[in-house]
Amino acid sequence: MKLTTMTQVTLDGVMQGNGAASDDRRNGFERGGWALGKGDDETRTYITQTYQRAEAFLFGRHTYELFAGSWGSIDQMRAHPIGVALNEAPKYVASSTLTAPRWKDTTVLRGDLAAAVSELKAKPGGELQVHGSGALIRWLLENDLVDEMTLIVIPVVVGQGARLFPESGPDLALDLVESRVDSKGVSIQVYRPAGRPRYATA
């Protein structure tokens, strides 16, 4: 399986609390819901179709619990095509503390996470998708386990909140695979990791 990620981010790189299903107010974050109503019908269709082509989903614990309490529990959301895709596919959670997952078809990955994810990727099939789960995405990138990442960039600066990429961290070169901008100014950029960047010599 190809490991792919999809993340909604602001222009200043914030991914926290993008919508109602992921209303994350940790650490005093007060500007949630910044992605609600953004994007046109084509972008919403693109997001839905991405979920629908997943063979399986991989989550960090926090995103898993947010999704389980929304897409996995609320009838109206379960009936949405994204909810159907999430509920029908196997779900994996990277967590050393989750002991009783409440969402059906969930497996908790403990111990050697790199080995567990590599084993999943070795299975035949389409995509192993990661949505949200910022800390997990950063770890997967650091361990060269991401094949493709999609950023959905919402034209807003929120000025606070957890960012996909921290102020300091490992560096990464990316090759652009696909790019589009919708009628509301939301851009979709698909990248493949391409090793380390090159820097100018002094």
N, C-alpha and C. Protein backbone atom coordinates (compact mmCIF):
# COMPACT_ATOMS: atom_id res chain seq x y z
N MET A 1 0.84 -1.20 0.00
CA MET A 1 0.00 0.00 0.00
C MET A 1 0.87 1.25 0.00
N LYS A 2 0.38 2.25 -0.66
CA LYS A 2 1.05 3.55 -0.69
C LYS A 2 0.58 4.36 0.51
N LEU A 3 1.52 4.90 1.29
CA LEU A 3 1.13 5.70 2.45
C LEU A 3 0.99 7.15 2.02
N THR A 4 -0.22 7.68 2.14
CA THR A 4 -0.50 9.05 1.74
C THR A 4 -1.07 9.82 2.91
N THR A 5 -0.82 11.13 2.92
CA THR A 5 -1.38 11.98 3.97
C THR A 5 -2.20 13.08 3.32
N MET A 6 -3.23 13.55 4.02
CA MET A 6 -4.00 14.70 3.55
C MET A 6 -4.23 15.61 4.75
N THR A 7 -3.81 16.87 4.60
CA THR A 7 -3.87 17.81 5.72
C THR A 7 -4.41 19.15 5.25
N GLN A 8 -5.38 19.68 5.98
CA GLN A 8 -5.83 21.05 5.73
C GLN A 8 -4.98 21.98 6.59
N VAL A 9 -4.41 23.00 5.95
CA VAL A 9 -3.57 23.94 6.67
C VAL A 9 -3.92 25.37 6.28
N THR A 10 -3.61 26.30 7.18
CA THR A 10 -3.75 27.72 6.89
C THR A 10 -2.50 28.21 6.17
N LEU A 11 -2.51 29.45 5.70
CA LEU A 11 -1.32 30.00 5.07
C LEU A 11 -0.14 30.06 6.03
N ASP A 12 -0.42 30.21 7.34
CA ASP A 12 0.68 30.21 8.30
C ASP A 12 0.94 28.82 8.88
N GLY A 13 0.46 27.79 8.18
CA GLY A 13 0.84 26.42 8.50
C GLY A 13 0.10 25.75 9.63
N VAL A 14 -0.95 26.40 10.17
CA VAL A 14 -1.70 25.82 11.28
C VAL A 14 -2.62 24.73 10.77
N MET A 15 -2.68 23.61 11.50
CA MET A 15 -3.60 22.54 11.15
C MET A 15 -4.62 22.28 12.26
N GLN A 16 -4.44 22.90 13.39
CA GLN A 16 -5.29 22.64 14.56
C GLN A 16 -6.69 23.19 14.37
N GLY A 17 -7.69 22.39 14.75
CA GLY A 17 -9.07 22.87 14.84
C GLY A 17 -9.65 23.38 13.55
N ASN A 18 -9.43 22.64 12.44
CA ASN A 18 -9.88 23.15 11.14
C ASN A 18 -11.39 23.15 10.97
N GLY A 19 -12.09 22.24 11.63
CA GLY A 19 -13.54 22.16 11.40
C GLY A 19 -14.29 21.62 12.60
N ALA A 20 -15.58 21.41 12.43
CA ALA A 20 -16.43 20.96 13.52
C ALA A 20 -16.05 19.56 14.00
N ALA A 21 -15.69 18.68 13.05
CA ALA A 21 -15.36 17.30 13.42
C ALA A 21 -14.00 17.21 14.10
N SER A 22 -13.20 18.26 13.96
CA SER A 22 -11.89 18.27 14.59
C SER A 22 -11.71 19.57 15.36
N ASP A 23 -12.68 19.86 16.21
CA ASP A 23 -12.67 21.10 16.97
C ASP A 23 -11.72 20.94 18.16
N ASP A 24 -10.46 21.16 17.91
CA ASP A 24 -9.39 20.91 18.87
C ASP A 24 -9.05 22.22 19.58
N ARG A 25 -9.40 22.32 20.86
CA ARG A 25 -9.18 23.57 21.60
C ARG A 25 -8.02 23.46 22.59
N ARG A 26 -7.14 22.49 22.37
CA ARG A 26 -6.02 22.32 23.29
C ARG A 26 -5.11 23.56 23.32
N ASN A 27 -4.47 23.75 24.46
CA ASN A 27 -3.48 24.83 24.66
C ASN A 27 -4.04 26.22 24.38
N GLY A 28 -5.32 26.41 24.73
CA GLY A 28 -5.92 27.74 24.63
C GLY A 28 -6.26 28.19 23.21
N PHE A 29 -6.29 27.26 22.26
CA PHE A 29 -6.61 27.62 20.88
C PHE A 29 -8.06 28.05 20.78
N GLU A 30 -8.29 29.27 20.24
CA GLU A 30 -9.64 29.85 20.23
C GLU A 30 -10.16 30.13 18.82
N ARG A 31 -9.42 29.72 17.81
CA ARG A 31 -9.79 30.13 16.45
C ARG A 31 -10.13 28.94 15.57
N GLY A 32 -10.85 27.99 16.14
CA GLY A 32 -11.21 26.78 15.42
C GLY A 32 -12.26 27.01 14.34
N GLY A 33 -12.38 26.03 13.45
CA GLY A 33 -13.39 26.08 12.40
C GLY A 33 -13.01 26.92 11.20
N TRP A 34 -11.72 27.21 11.06
CA TRP A 34 -11.26 28.11 9.98
C TRP A 34 -11.43 27.52 8.57
N ALA A 35 -11.65 26.21 8.46
CA ALA A 35 -11.83 25.62 7.13
C ALA A 35 -13.31 25.43 6.78
N LEU A 36 -14.21 25.66 7.73
CA LEU A 36 -15.63 25.44 7.48
C LEU A 36 -16.14 26.38 6.39
N GLY A 37 -16.82 25.80 5.39
CA GLY A 37 -17.39 26.59 4.32
C GLY A 37 -16.40 27.02 3.26
N LYS A 38 -15.13 26.68 3.45
CA LYS A 38 -14.12 27.05 2.46
C LYS A 38 -14.05 25.96 1.40
N GLY A 39 -13.57 26.31 0.24
CA GLY A 39 -13.49 25.34 -0.84
C GLY A 39 -14.80 25.24 -1.59
N ASP A 40 -14.71 25.01 -2.89
CA ASP A 40 -15.92 24.89 -3.71
C ASP A 40 -16.34 23.42 -3.83
N ASP A 41 -17.37 23.19 -4.64
CA ASP A 41 -17.89 21.82 -4.76
C ASP A 41 -16.83 20.86 -5.29
N GLU A 42 -15.99 21.33 -6.21
CA GLU A 42 -14.95 20.46 -6.76
C GLU A 42 -13.96 20.03 -5.68
N THR A 43 -13.60 20.95 -4.79
CA THR A 43 -12.67 20.62 -3.71
C THR A 43 -13.31 19.63 -2.74
N ARG A 44 -14.58 19.86 -2.41
CA ARG A 44 -15.27 18.93 -1.50
C ARG A 44 -15.36 17.54 -2.13
N THR A 45 -15.61 17.49 -3.45
CA THR A 45 -15.66 16.20 -4.14
C THR A 45 -14.29 15.53 -4.13
N TYR A 46 -13.24 16.31 -4.35
CA TYR A 46 -11.87 15.79 -4.33
C TYR A 46 -11.56 15.15 -2.97
N ILE A 47 -11.92 15.85 -1.90
CA ILE A 47 -11.66 15.33 -0.55
C ILE A 47 -12.44 14.03 -0.33
N THR A 48 -13.71 14.03 -0.71
CA THR A 48 -14.54 12.84 -0.52
C THR A 48 -13.98 11.66 -1.31
N GLN A 49 -13.62 11.90 -2.56
CA GLN A 49 -13.09 10.81 -3.39
C GLN A 49 -11.76 10.28 -2.86
N THR A 50 -10.98 11.15 -2.23
CA THR A 50 -9.73 10.70 -1.62
C THR A 50 -10.02 9.68 -0.52
N TYR A 51 -10.94 10.01 0.37
CA TYR A 51 -11.32 9.07 1.43
C TYR A 51 -11.84 7.76 0.84
N GLN A 52 -12.62 7.87 -0.24
CA GLN A 52 -13.25 6.67 -0.81
C GLN A 52 -12.24 5.70 -1.43
N ARG A 53 -11.07 6.19 -1.83
CA ARG A 53 -10.12 5.28 -2.44
C ARG A 53 -9.15 4.65 -1.43
N ALA A 54 -9.33 4.95 -0.15
CA ALA A 54 -8.44 4.40 0.87
C ALA A 54 -8.69 2.90 1.07
N GLU A 55 -7.61 2.16 1.16
CA GLU A 55 -7.69 0.73 1.52
C GLU A 55 -7.79 0.60 3.04
N ALA A 56 -7.11 1.52 3.75
CA ALA A 56 -7.11 1.52 5.22
C ALA A 56 -6.71 2.92 5.68
N PHE A 57 -6.95 3.20 6.98
CA PHE A 57 -6.63 4.50 7.56
C PHE A 57 -5.70 4.30 8.74
N LEU A 58 -4.77 5.26 8.89
CA LEU A 58 -3.83 5.26 10.01
C LEU A 58 -3.98 6.59 10.73
N PHE A 59 -4.13 6.54 12.06
CA PHE A 59 -4.35 7.74 12.85
C PHE A 59 -3.39 7.83 14.02
N GLY A 60 -3.13 9.05 14.46
CA GLY A 60 -2.61 9.28 15.79
C GLY A 60 -3.78 9.19 16.76
N ARG A 61 -3.49 9.06 18.04
CA ARG A 61 -4.57 8.83 19.00
C ARG A 61 -5.58 9.99 19.04
N HIS A 62 -5.10 11.22 19.08
CA HIS A 62 -6.02 12.34 19.25
C HIS A 62 -6.99 12.45 18.08
N THR A 63 -6.47 12.38 16.85
CA THR A 63 -7.35 12.46 15.67
C THR A 63 -8.29 11.26 15.64
N TYR A 64 -7.79 10.09 16.01
CA TYR A 64 -8.64 8.90 16.04
C TYR A 64 -9.85 9.15 16.95
N GLU A 65 -9.62 9.69 18.13
CA GLU A 65 -10.72 9.88 19.08
C GLU A 65 -11.70 10.94 18.57
N LEU A 66 -11.18 12.00 17.93
CA LEU A 66 -12.06 13.01 17.34
C LEU A 66 -12.93 12.39 16.24
N PHE A 67 -12.30 11.59 15.36
CA PHE A 67 -13.05 10.96 14.26
C PHE A 67 -14.02 9.90 14.78
N ALA A 68 -13.61 9.12 15.76
CA ALA A 68 -14.49 8.08 16.31
C ALA A 68 -15.74 8.71 16.93
N GLY A 69 -15.57 9.89 17.52
CA GLY A 69 -16.70 10.57 18.15
C GLY A 69 -17.57 11.34 17.17
N SER A 70 -17.15 11.43 15.93
CA SER A 70 -17.93 12.15 14.92
C SER A 70 -18.29 11.21 13.76
N TRP A 71 -17.34 10.96 12.86
CA TRP A 71 -17.60 10.08 11.72
C TRP A 71 -18.00 8.68 12.15
N GLY A 72 -17.53 8.23 13.30
CA GLY A 72 -17.84 6.88 13.75
C GLY A 72 -19.08 6.76 14.62
N SER A 73 -19.67 7.90 15.04
CA SER A 73 -20.75 7.84 16.03
C SER A 73 -22.03 8.57 15.64
N ILE A 74 -21.91 9.68 14.93
CA ILE A 74 -23.08 10.51 14.63
C ILE A 74 -23.72 10.01 13.33
N ASP A 75 -24.98 9.62 13.42
CA ASP A 75 -25.65 8.96 12.28
C ASP A 75 -25.54 9.75 10.98
N GLN A 76 -25.76 11.07 11.06
CA GLN A 76 -25.71 11.90 9.85
C GLN A 76 -24.32 11.87 9.22
N MET A 77 -23.29 11.86 10.07
CA MET A 77 -21.91 11.83 9.56
C MET A 77 -21.55 10.42 9.07
N ARG A 78 -22.03 9.41 9.75
CA ARG A 78 -21.78 8.03 9.32
C ARG A 78 -22.37 7.77 7.93
N ALA A 79 -23.48 8.44 7.61
CA ALA A 79 -24.15 8.23 6.32
C ALA A 79 -23.49 8.99 5.18
N HIS A 80 -22.68 10.00 5.50
CA HIS A 80 -21.96 10.76 4.48
C HIS A 80 -20.95 9.83 3.81
N PRO A 81 -20.66 10.02 2.52
CA PRO A 81 -19.69 9.13 1.84
C PRO A 81 -18.34 9.03 2.56
N ILE A 82 -17.87 10.12 3.19
CA ILE A 82 -16.62 10.03 3.96
C ILE A 82 -16.82 9.12 5.16
N GLY A 83 -17.95 9.27 5.84
CA GLY A 83 -18.25 8.42 6.98
C GLY A 83 -18.36 6.95 6.58
N VAL A 84 -18.98 6.69 5.45
CA VAL A 84 -19.10 5.31 4.96
C VAL A 84 -17.71 4.73 4.70
N ALA A 85 -16.85 5.52 4.03
CA ALA A 85 -15.49 5.04 3.74
C ALA A 85 -14.73 4.74 5.03
N LEU A 86 -14.82 5.63 6.00
CA LEU A 86 -14.11 5.44 7.26
C LEU A 86 -14.64 4.24 8.04
N ASN A 87 -15.95 4.05 8.02
CA ASN A 87 -16.54 2.96 8.80
C ASN A 87 -16.34 1.59 8.17
N GLU A 88 -16.17 1.56 6.85
CA GLU A 88 -16.03 0.27 6.17
C GLU A 88 -14.58 -0.21 6.09
N ALA A 89 -13.62 0.70 6.20
CA ALA A 89 -12.21 0.33 6.03
C ALA A 89 -11.56 -0.01 7.37
N PRO A 90 -10.51 -0.82 7.36
CA PRO A 90 -9.75 -1.06 8.59
C PRO A 90 -9.09 0.24 9.05
N LYS A 91 -9.02 0.40 10.36
CA LYS A 91 -8.41 1.59 10.96
C LYS A 91 -7.29 1.15 11.88
N TYR A 92 -6.17 1.86 11.82
CA TYR A 92 -5.01 1.57 12.67
C TYR A 92 -4.68 2.84 13.45
N VAL A 93 -4.34 2.66 14.71
CA VAL A 93 -4.02 3.79 15.57
C VAL A 93 -2.63 3.60 16.16
N ALA A 94 -1.78 4.60 16.00
CA ALA A 94 -0.46 4.57 16.63
C ALA A 94 -0.60 5.13 18.04
N SER A 95 -0.58 4.26 19.03
CA SER A 95 -0.76 4.71 20.41
C SER A 95 -0.19 3.70 21.39
N SER A 96 0.47 4.22 22.40
CA SER A 96 0.97 3.34 23.47
C SER A 96 0.02 3.35 24.66
N THR A 97 -1.04 4.17 24.60
CA THR A 97 -1.94 4.31 25.75
C THR A 97 -3.37 3.85 25.48
N LEU A 98 -3.79 3.79 24.22
CA LEU A 98 -5.16 3.38 23.91
C LEU A 98 -5.31 1.87 24.10
N THR A 99 -6.22 1.49 24.98
CA THR A 99 -6.38 0.06 25.28
C THR A 99 -7.72 -0.50 24.80
N ALA A 100 -8.74 0.33 24.72
CA ALA A 100 -10.07 -0.17 24.33
C ALA A 100 -10.65 0.72 23.24
N PRO A 101 -10.19 0.57 21.98
CA PRO A 101 -10.75 1.40 20.90
C PRO A 101 -12.23 1.13 20.72
N ARG A 102 -13.01 2.20 20.54
CA ARG A 102 -14.47 2.05 20.49
C ARG A 102 -15.01 2.02 19.08
N TRP A 103 -14.16 2.16 18.09
CA TRP A 103 -14.60 2.17 16.70
C TRP A 103 -14.32 0.80 16.10
N LYS A 104 -15.33 0.21 15.45
CA LYS A 104 -15.14 -1.15 14.91
C LYS A 104 -14.02 -1.17 13.86
N ASP A 105 -13.44 -2.35 13.69
CA ASP A 105 -12.34 -2.56 12.73
C ASP A 105 -11.12 -1.69 13.04
N THR A 106 -10.84 -1.50 14.34
CA THR A 106 -9.68 -0.73 14.75
C THR A 106 -8.61 -1.65 15.35
N THR A 107 -7.37 -1.44 14.93
CA THR A 107 -6.22 -2.14 15.49
C THR A 107 -5.27 -1.11 16.06
N VAL A 108 -4.84 -1.30 17.29
CA VAL A 108 -3.88 -0.39 17.91
C VAL A 108 -2.47 -0.90 17.64
N LEU A 109 -1.63 -0.01 17.11
CA LEU A 109 -0.24 -0.36 16.82
C LEU A 109 0.62 0.05 18.01
N ARG A 110 1.20 -0.93 18.68
CA ARG A 110 2.09 -0.66 19.81
C ARG A 110 3.48 -1.17 19.48
N GLY A 111 4.43 -0.83 20.32
CA GLY A 111 5.78 -1.37 20.12
C GLY A 111 6.51 -0.66 19.00
N ASP A 112 7.13 -1.43 18.12
CA ASP A 112 7.95 -0.88 17.04
C ASP A 112 7.05 -0.35 15.93
N LEU A 113 6.78 0.95 15.99
CA LEU A 113 5.84 1.55 15.04
C LEU A 113 6.37 1.51 13.62
N ALA A 114 7.66 1.75 13.45
CA ALA A 114 8.24 1.75 12.10
C ALA A 114 8.05 0.38 11.44
N ALA A 115 8.28 -0.68 12.21
CA ALA A 115 8.10 -2.03 11.68
C ALA A 115 6.63 -2.30 11.36
N ALA A 116 5.74 -1.85 12.25
CA ALA A 116 4.31 -2.08 12.04
C ALA A 116 3.81 -1.35 10.80
N VAL A 117 4.23 -0.11 10.61
CA VAL A 117 3.79 0.65 9.44
C VAL A 117 4.40 0.06 8.17
N SER A 118 5.65 -0.32 8.23
CA SER A 118 6.29 -0.95 7.06
C SER A 118 5.58 -2.23 6.67
N GLU A 119 5.12 -2.97 7.67
CA GLU A 119 4.38 -4.21 7.41
C GLU A 119 3.05 -3.91 6.73
N LEU A 120 2.37 -2.85 7.18
CA LEU A 120 1.12 -2.45 6.54
C LEU A 120 1.36 -2.03 5.09
N LYS A 121 2.41 -1.26 4.88
CA LYS A 121 2.72 -0.79 3.53
C LYS A 121 3.07 -1.94 2.59
N ALA A 122 3.58 -3.02 3.14
CA ALA A 122 3.97 -4.17 2.32
C ALA A 122 2.77 -4.98 1.85
N LYS A 123 1.59 -4.74 2.46
CA LYS A 123 0.38 -5.47 2.05
C LYS A 123 -0.07 -5.01 0.68
N PRO A 124 -0.68 -5.91 -0.11
CA PRO A 124 -1.22 -5.48 -1.39
C PRO A 124 -2.41 -4.55 -1.17
N GLY A 125 -2.61 -3.64 -2.10
CA GLY A 125 -3.77 -2.76 -1.96
C GLY A 125 -3.46 -1.37 -2.44
N GLY A 126 -4.39 -0.47 -2.19
CA GLY A 126 -4.28 0.90 -2.67
C GLY A 126 -3.54 1.80 -1.71
N GLU A 127 -4.28 2.62 -0.96
CA GLU A 127 -3.65 3.62 -0.11
C GLU A 127 -3.92 3.36 1.37
N LEU A 128 -2.88 3.55 2.15
CA LEU A 128 -2.98 3.66 3.60
C LEU A 128 -2.95 5.15 3.89
N GLN A 129 -4.10 5.72 4.27
CA GLN A 129 -4.22 7.18 4.36
C GLN A 129 -4.14 7.68 5.80
N VAL A 130 -3.49 8.83 5.95
CA VAL A 130 -3.40 9.52 7.24
C VAL A 130 -4.07 10.88 7.08
N HIS A 131 -5.06 11.15 7.92
CA HIS A 131 -5.75 12.45 7.93
C HIS A 131 -5.55 13.07 9.30
N GLY A 132 -5.36 14.40 9.34
CA GLY A 132 -5.06 15.04 10.62
C GLY A 132 -3.75 14.48 11.16
N SER A 133 -3.73 14.17 12.46
CA SER A 133 -2.61 13.40 13.05
C SER A 133 -1.25 14.05 12.79
N GLY A 134 -1.13 15.33 13.15
CA GLY A 134 0.09 16.08 12.85
C GLY A 134 1.36 15.47 13.41
N ALA A 135 1.34 15.08 14.68
CA ALA A 135 2.54 14.49 15.29
C ALA A 135 2.93 13.21 14.57
N LEU A 136 1.93 12.41 14.20
CA LEU A 136 2.20 11.16 13.48
C LEU A 136 2.79 11.45 12.10
N ILE A 137 2.22 12.42 11.38
CA ILE A 137 2.74 12.75 10.05
C ILE A 137 4.19 13.18 10.14
N ARG A 138 4.50 14.03 11.12
CA ARG A 138 5.89 14.47 11.26
C ARG A 138 6.81 13.28 11.51
N TRP A 139 6.37 12.35 12.36
CA TRP A 139 7.18 11.16 12.66
C TRP A 139 7.34 10.28 11.41
N LEU A 140 6.26 10.10 10.65
CA LEU A 140 6.32 9.29 9.43
C LEU A 140 7.29 9.90 8.42
N LEU A 141 7.25 11.23 8.29
CA LEU A 141 8.16 11.90 7.37
C LEU A 141 9.61 11.73 7.81
N GLU A 142 9.85 11.89 9.11
CA GLU A 142 11.21 11.73 9.64
C GLU A 142 11.74 10.33 9.40
N ASN A 143 10.85 9.35 9.35
CA ASN A 143 11.25 7.96 9.18
C ASN A 143 11.09 7.45 7.74
N ASP A 144 10.93 8.39 6.81
CA ASP A 144 10.86 8.07 5.37
C ASP A 144 9.77 7.06 5.04
N LEU A 145 8.61 7.22 5.67
CA LEU A 145 7.52 6.27 5.46
C LEU A 145 6.37 6.86 4.63
N VAL A 146 6.45 8.15 4.30
CA VAL A 146 5.38 8.80 3.52
C VAL A 146 5.73 8.73 2.04
N ASP A 147 4.78 8.26 1.24
CA ASP A 147 4.97 8.20 -0.22
C ASP A 147 4.46 9.46 -0.91
N GLU A 148 3.39 10.03 -0.36
CA GLU A 148 2.78 11.19 -1.01
C GLU A 148 2.02 11.99 0.04
N MET A 149 2.10 13.31 -0.03
CA MET A 149 1.34 14.14 0.91
C MET A 149 0.56 15.21 0.16
N THR A 150 -0.70 15.36 0.58
CA THR A 150 -1.57 16.37 -0.01
C THR A 150 -1.82 17.45 1.03
N LEU A 151 -1.56 18.70 0.63
CA LEU A 151 -1.87 19.84 1.48
C LEU A 151 -3.02 20.60 0.85
N ILE A 152 -4.06 20.82 1.64
CA ILE A 152 -5.18 21.66 1.20
C ILE A 152 -5.02 22.96 1.95
N VAL A 153 -4.61 24.00 1.22
CA VAL A 153 -4.24 25.27 1.85
C VAL A 153 -5.41 26.24 1.78
N ILE A 154 -5.90 26.61 2.97
CA ILE A 154 -7.03 27.53 3.09
C ILE A 154 -6.47 28.95 3.18
N PRO A 155 -6.98 29.89 2.38
CA PRO A 155 -6.41 31.24 2.38
C PRO A 155 -6.83 32.05 3.61
N VAL A 156 -6.22 31.71 4.74
CA VAL A 156 -6.47 32.43 5.99
C VAL A 156 -5.21 32.33 6.84
N VAL A 157 -4.96 33.36 7.63
CA VAL A 157 -3.88 33.35 8.62
C VAL A 157 -4.56 33.42 9.98
N VAL A 158 -4.36 32.41 10.82
CA VAL A 158 -5.04 32.40 12.12
C VAL A 158 -4.14 32.85 13.27
N GLY A 159 -2.83 32.83 13.07
CA GLY A 159 -1.94 33.45 14.04
C GLY A 159 -1.72 32.72 15.34
N GLN A 160 -2.27 31.53 15.49
CA GLN A 160 -2.05 30.72 16.68
C GLN A 160 -2.39 29.27 16.35
N GLY A 161 -2.00 28.36 17.22
CA GLY A 161 -2.37 26.96 17.04
C GLY A 161 -1.21 26.10 16.58
N ALA A 162 -1.42 24.78 16.68
CA ALA A 162 -0.39 23.81 16.32
C ALA A 162 -0.20 23.80 14.81
N ARG A 163 1.05 23.83 14.39
CA ARG A 163 1.38 23.82 12.97
C ARG A 163 1.79 22.43 12.51
N LEU A 164 1.59 22.17 11.24
CA LEU A 164 2.00 20.88 10.69
C LEU A 164 3.51 20.72 10.85
N PHE A 165 4.25 21.77 10.52
CA PHE A 165 5.70 21.74 10.66
C PHE A 165 6.11 22.73 11.73
N PRO A 166 6.84 22.27 12.74
CA PRO A 166 7.22 23.16 13.85
C PRO A 166 8.27 24.18 13.41
N GLU A 167 8.55 25.13 14.31
CA GLU A 167 9.50 26.19 14.00
C GLU A 167 10.88 25.64 13.69
N SER A 168 11.27 24.58 14.38
CA SER A 168 12.55 23.93 14.07
C SER A 168 12.32 22.43 13.99
N GLY A 169 12.98 21.79 13.06
CA GLY A 169 12.80 20.35 12.88
C GLY A 169 13.63 19.87 11.72
N PRO A 170 13.47 18.61 11.33
CA PRO A 170 14.23 18.09 10.20
C PRO A 170 13.80 18.77 8.90
N ASP A 171 14.72 18.79 7.93
CA ASP A 171 14.42 19.40 6.64
C ASP A 171 14.02 18.33 5.62
N LEU A 172 13.31 18.76 4.58
CA LEU A 172 12.75 17.81 3.62
C LEU A 172 12.53 18.51 2.29
N ALA A 173 13.05 17.92 1.23
CA ALA A 173 12.74 18.40 -0.12
C ALA A 173 11.49 17.70 -0.62
N LEU A 174 10.71 18.39 -1.46
CA LEU A 174 9.46 17.84 -1.97
C LEU A 174 9.39 18.06 -3.47
N ASP A 175 8.88 17.07 -4.19
CA ASP A 175 8.58 17.22 -5.61
C ASP A 175 7.08 17.43 -5.78
N LEU A 176 6.70 18.46 -6.51
CA LEU A 176 5.28 18.74 -6.74
C LEU A 176 4.75 17.79 -7.81
N VAL A 177 3.67 17.07 -7.46
CA VAL A 177 3.06 16.10 -8.37
C VAL A 177 1.83 16.69 -9.05
N GLU A 178 1.08 17.47 -8.29
CA GLU A 178 -0.19 18.02 -8.80
C GLU A 178 -0.48 19.30 -8.04
N SER A 179 -1.10 20.26 -8.71
CA SER A 179 -1.47 21.51 -8.05
C SER A 179 -2.71 22.07 -8.72
N ARG A 180 -3.62 22.56 -7.91
CA ARG A 180 -4.81 23.20 -8.46
C ARG A 180 -5.32 24.24 -7.45
N VAL A 181 -6.02 25.22 -7.96
CA VAL A 181 -6.64 26.24 -7.11
C VAL A 181 -8.11 26.29 -7.47
N ASP A 182 -8.97 26.27 -6.44
CA ASP A 182 -10.40 26.26 -6.76
C ASP A 182 -10.96 27.69 -6.85
N SER A 183 -12.25 27.79 -7.12
CA SER A 183 -12.87 29.09 -7.37
C SER A 183 -12.95 29.96 -6.13
N LYS A 184 -12.69 29.37 -4.94
CA LYS A 184 -12.71 30.14 -3.70
C LYS A 184 -11.31 30.41 -3.16
N GLY A 185 -10.29 30.09 -3.98
CA GLY A 185 -8.93 30.37 -3.57
C GLY A 185 -8.27 29.31 -2.73
N VAL A 186 -8.93 28.18 -2.54
CA VAL A 186 -8.32 27.06 -1.81
C VAL A 186 -7.41 26.30 -2.78
N SER A 187 -6.18 26.06 -2.37
CA SER A 187 -5.26 25.34 -3.25
C SER A 187 -5.02 23.92 -2.74
N ILE A 188 -4.87 23.01 -3.67
CA ILE A 188 -4.55 21.62 -3.37
C ILE A 188 -3.20 21.33 -3.99
N GLN A 189 -2.26 20.91 -3.16
CA GLN A 189 -0.91 20.62 -3.63
C GLN A 189 -0.54 19.20 -3.19
N VAL A 190 -0.13 18.40 -4.16
CA VAL A 190 0.26 17.02 -3.89
C VAL A 190 1.76 16.92 -4.09
N TYR A 191 2.46 16.41 -3.08
CA TYR A 191 3.92 16.32 -3.10
C TYR A 191 4.39 14.90 -2.86
N ARG A 192 5.59 14.62 -3.35
CA ARG A 192 6.30 13.40 -2.97
C ARG A 192 7.59 13.80 -2.28
N PRO A 193 7.88 13.22 -1.12
CA PRO A 193 9.16 13.51 -0.47
C PRO A 193 10.33 13.16 -1.38
N ALA A 194 11.36 14.03 -1.37
CA ALA A 194 12.49 13.86 -2.29
C ALA A 194 13.82 14.04 -1.56
N GLY A 195 13.93 13.44 -0.39
CA GLY A 195 15.20 13.51 0.34
C GLY A 195 15.40 14.85 1.01
N ARG A 196 16.66 15.21 1.21
CA ARG A 196 16.99 16.48 1.87
C ARG A 196 17.17 17.59 0.84
N PRO A 197 16.82 18.82 1.22
CA PRO A 197 17.03 19.95 0.30
C PRO A 197 18.52 20.21 0.10
N ARG A 198 18.83 20.93 -0.99
CA ARG A 198 20.20 21.41 -1.20
C ARG A 198 20.26 22.87 -0.80
N TYR A 199 21.35 23.25 -0.18
CA TYR A 199 21.52 24.62 0.28
C TYR A 199 22.71 25.26 -0.42
N ALA A 200 22.67 26.58 -0.53
CA ALA A 200 23.78 27.31 -1.13
C ALA A 200 25.01 27.17 -0.23
N THR A 201 26.15 27.03 -0.83
CA THR A 201 27.39 26.96 -0.05
C THR A 201 27.90 28.37 0.19
N ALA A 202 28.49 28.57 1.35
CA ALA A 202 28.97 29.91 1.72
C ALA A 202 30.17 30.32 0.86
